[in-house]
Amino acid sequence: RASAARVARPLLPWLPMSVLRPLTLADLDELLVVQREGAVEALGHIFPQDQNPFPTERIRERWLAELADPAVDCFAVVLHRRIAGFAATRGEEFLHLGTARDTWGSGLAEQVHDAVLDHLRAGGHTHARLRVLVENARAIRFYTRLGWRPTGVTERTDFAPHPLLRVYERDLA
C-alpha cells in the first residue's frame, strides 16, 4: 500500500520542463476539440451526450470572457507543437485543468497541475481551491492524491442536468 505522503517523481523524459504558455484566441478551436473529447469520455455518465451534448459554443463564450478578464490567467498546454490541454486560475481558485485524451496516464496532468500551483504561489497565494463534480471519481482520485481535501461546500453547475460540484482546497506551503 502506498504511503499517504506524496512521493516526488521525476518528470517523464519526453515532457518539457514547462508545458504552459498563455492561452490565445488563436488556440480556441484546437482547445475546444481537446476539451470536448476529454469531457465526453470522462463525464459522459454525468452529461449523457444524447440529452446534454457538449455545449461547444457556450464553452467558447466562457473562454472568451475569461481571456478578456484581467483577473483570470488562462494557459495552453503545448506538447509537440499542439494544444494538449488547458488550465486557468482566478485569484486562488483553480478554474480549469484538462489534458488531451491521448495523454491520460502519461503524467502530463500532474505536471500541469504542479506548474499551475507554482503560478499561484508566485502570485503570493498560500491557499488554493477548486470545484470537482461529485460524480467525477477519476478527478476526485487525482486531486485527492495530490493533497486536495473536500471542504463540505457544494453547489450546482450551470450546465444541464446541473450536477453537484464539491469545493476542494489545499495549502500551498
Protein backbone atom coordinates (compact mmCIF):
# COMPACT_ATOMS: atom_id res chain seq x y z
CA ARG A 1 0.00 0.00 0.00
CA ALA A 2 1.32 3.44 -0.93
CA SER A 3 2.21 5.91 1.74
CA ALA A 4 -0.15 8.82 2.27
CA ALA A 5 2.81 11.16 1.71
CA ARG A 6 3.35 12.19 -1.87
CA VAL A 7 6.47 10.73 -3.41
CA ALA A 8 8.21 13.09 -5.82
CA ARG A 9 8.51 11.53 -9.27
CA PRO A 10 10.97 12.70 -11.86
CA LEU A 11 9.42 14.32 -14.90
CA LEU A 12 8.86 11.98 -17.78
CA PRO A 13 11.81 12.46 -20.12
CA TRP A 14 9.66 13.42 -23.12
CA LEU A 15 7.89 16.20 -21.23
CA PRO A 16 9.46 19.65 -21.43
CA MET A 17 10.15 21.42 -18.14
CA SER A 18 7.48 23.97 -18.90
CA VAL A 19 4.39 22.97 -20.85
CA LEU A 20 2.33 26.07 -20.08
CA ARG A 21 2.12 29.24 -22.10
CA PRO A 22 -0.52 31.96 -22.16
CA LEU A 23 -3.67 30.91 -23.99
CA THR A 24 -4.55 32.99 -27.05
CA LEU A 25 -7.68 33.46 -29.13
CA ALA A 26 -5.96 31.53 -31.92
CA ASP A 27 -5.83 28.46 -29.64
CA LEU A 28 -9.58 28.22 -29.01
CA ASP A 29 -10.66 25.97 -31.88
CA GLU A 30 -7.99 23.38 -31.10
CA LEU A 31 -8.55 23.71 -27.35
CA LEU A 32 -12.29 23.12 -27.73
CA VAL A 33 -11.66 19.86 -29.59
CA VAL A 34 -9.35 18.69 -26.78
CA GLN A 35 -11.82 19.79 -24.10
CA ARG A 36 -14.81 18.19 -25.82
CA GLU A 37 -13.06 14.83 -26.34
CA GLY A 38 -11.99 14.69 -22.70
CA ALA A 39 -15.35 15.81 -21.35
CA VAL A 40 -17.31 13.31 -23.43
CA GLU A 41 -15.02 10.48 -22.32
CA ALA A 42 -14.69 11.41 -18.64
CA LEU A 43 -18.08 12.99 -17.98
CA GLY A 44 -20.42 11.16 -20.35
CA HIS A 45 -22.04 9.37 -17.42
CA ILE A 46 -22.82 12.76 -15.85
CA PHE A 47 -23.71 14.60 -19.06
CA PRO A 48 -25.29 11.98 -21.38
CA GLN A 49 -24.47 13.19 -24.88
CA ASP A 50 -27.87 12.24 -26.31
CA GLN A 51 -29.57 14.53 -23.77
CA ASN A 52 -26.86 17.06 -22.86
CA PRO A 53 -24.29 17.25 -25.67
CA PHE A 54 -21.05 19.10 -25.06
CA PRO A 55 -22.00 22.81 -25.25
CA THR A 56 -19.18 23.93 -27.55
CA GLU A 57 -20.45 27.47 -28.17
CA ARG A 58 -21.22 28.10 -24.52
CA ILE A 59 -17.75 26.86 -23.53
CA ARG A 60 -16.19 29.05 -26.26
CA GLU A 61 -18.07 32.07 -24.84
CA ARG A 62 -16.80 31.24 -21.34
CA TRP A 63 -13.19 31.03 -22.59
CA LEU A 64 -13.62 34.33 -24.46
CA ALA A 65 -14.90 36.00 -21.29
CA GLU A 66 -12.07 34.53 -19.23
CA LEU A 67 -9.44 35.60 -21.78
CA ALA A 68 -10.85 39.14 -21.63
CA ASP A 69 -10.90 39.19 -17.81
CA PRO A 70 -7.63 40.57 -16.41
CA ALA A 71 -8.29 38.66 -13.17
CA VAL A 72 -8.18 35.29 -14.99
CA ASP A 73 -4.94 33.66 -16.09
CA CYS A 74 -5.55 31.23 -18.97
CA PHE A 75 -2.95 28.73 -20.14
CA ALA A 76 -2.48 26.43 -23.09
CA VAL A 77 -0.67 23.16 -22.54
CA VAL A 78 1.54 22.69 -25.57
CA LEU A 79 3.21 19.41 -26.37
CA HIS A 80 4.88 18.62 -29.67
CA ARG A 81 3.55 21.91 -31.14
CA ARG A 82 -0.09 21.03 -30.48
CA ILE A 83 -2.60 22.01 -27.82
CA ALA A 84 -2.54 19.11 -25.39
CA GLY A 85 -4.53 20.72 -22.60
CA PHE A 86 -5.56 23.85 -20.79
CA ALA A 87 -5.66 25.44 -17.37
CA ALA A 88 -6.97 28.64 -15.82
CA THR A 89 -6.91 30.40 -12.47
CA ARG A 90 -8.64 33.39 -10.89
CA GLY A 91 -7.08 34.56 -7.67
CA GLU A 92 -6.57 31.48 -5.53
CA GLU A 93 -9.13 29.46 -7.50
CA PHE A 94 -8.01 26.76 -9.90
CA LEU A 95 -10.77 27.16 -12.52
CA HIS A 96 -9.86 24.59 -15.19
CA LEU A 97 -7.44 21.77 -15.82
CA GLY A 98 -7.67 19.31 -18.68
CA THR A 99 -5.34 17.36 -20.91
CA ALA A 100 -5.83 15.66 -24.25
CA ARG A 101 -7.35 12.20 -24.06
CA ASP A 102 -4.28 10.59 -25.65
CA THR A 103 -2.07 11.94 -22.84
CA TRP A 104 -4.09 10.48 -19.97
CA GLY A 105 -1.91 8.31 -17.75
CA SER A 106 1.31 9.92 -19.04
CA GLY A 107 1.96 12.22 -16.07
CA LEU A 108 1.17 15.35 -18.09
CA ALA A 109 -1.87 16.32 -16.00
CA GLU A 110 0.17 16.14 -12.80
CA GLN A 111 2.93 18.25 -14.34
CA VAL A 112 0.37 20.85 -15.46
CA HIS A 113 -1.25 20.77 -12.01
CA ASP A 114 2.10 21.39 -10.32
CA ALA A 115 3.01 24.19 -12.76
CA VAL A 116 -0.29 25.93 -12.06
CA LEU A 117 0.24 25.63 -8.31
CA ASP A 118 3.69 27.18 -8.80
CA HIS A 119 1.97 30.01 -10.69
CA LEU A 120 -0.41 30.54 -7.76
CA ARG A 121 2.49 30.53 -5.29
CA ALA A 122 4.39 33.04 -7.45
CA GLY A 123 1.28 35.25 -7.25
CA GLY A 124 1.56 35.24 -3.45
CA HIS A 125 -1.21 32.74 -2.75
CA THR A 126 -0.80 30.36 0.19
CA HIS A 127 -4.07 28.53 -0.26
CA ALA A 128 -5.96 27.24 -3.32
CA ARG A 129 -9.41 25.95 -4.05
CA LEU A 130 -11.21 24.23 -6.89
CA ARG A 131 -14.51 22.57 -7.66
CA VAL A 132 -14.99 18.97 -8.80
CA LEU A 133 -18.15 17.26 -9.96
CA VAL A 134 -19.23 14.90 -7.17
CA GLU A 135 -19.73 12.07 -9.70
CA ASN A 136 -16.30 12.53 -11.32
CA ALA A 137 -14.47 9.76 -9.43
CA ARG A 138 -11.41 9.95 -11.68
CA ALA A 139 -10.84 13.66 -10.94
CA ILE A 140 -11.52 13.15 -7.24
CA ARG A 141 -8.86 10.42 -7.09
CA PHE A 142 -6.41 12.67 -8.96
CA TYR A 143 -6.90 15.72 -6.75
CA THR A 144 -7.04 13.74 -3.50
CA ARG A 145 -3.76 12.02 -4.39
CA LEU A 146 -2.25 15.49 -4.92
CA GLY A 147 -3.27 16.76 -1.50
CA TRP A 148 -6.65 18.38 -2.11
CA ARG A 149 -9.31 17.93 0.59
CA PRO A 150 -13.08 18.42 0.36
CA THR A 151 -14.47 21.40 2.28
CA GLY A 152 -18.04 20.16 2.59
CA VAL A 153 -19.26 23.08 0.46
CA THR A 154 -21.32 22.08 -2.58
CA GLU A 155 -23.11 23.89 -5.38
CA ARG A 156 -24.81 23.09 -8.66
CA THR A 157 -23.15 23.59 -12.02
CA ASP A 158 -24.76 25.86 -14.60
CA PHE A 159 -24.70 23.09 -17.19
CA ALA A 160 -27.73 20.80 -17.51
CA PRO A 161 -28.56 18.45 -15.89
CA HIS A 162 -26.98 20.64 -13.15
CA PRO A 163 -24.95 18.03 -11.25
CA LEU A 164 -23.42 18.80 -7.88
CA LEU A 165 -19.93 20.27 -7.51
CA ARG A 166 -17.87 19.93 -4.34
CA VAL A 167 -15.29 22.54 -3.31
CA TYR A 168 -11.79 21.23 -2.53
CA GLU A 169 -8.89 23.14 -1.03
CA ARG A 170 -5.23 22.73 -0.32
CA ASP A 171 -2.44 24.57 1.38
CA LEU A 172 0.28 25.76 -0.99
CA ALA A 173 3.07 25.80 1.59
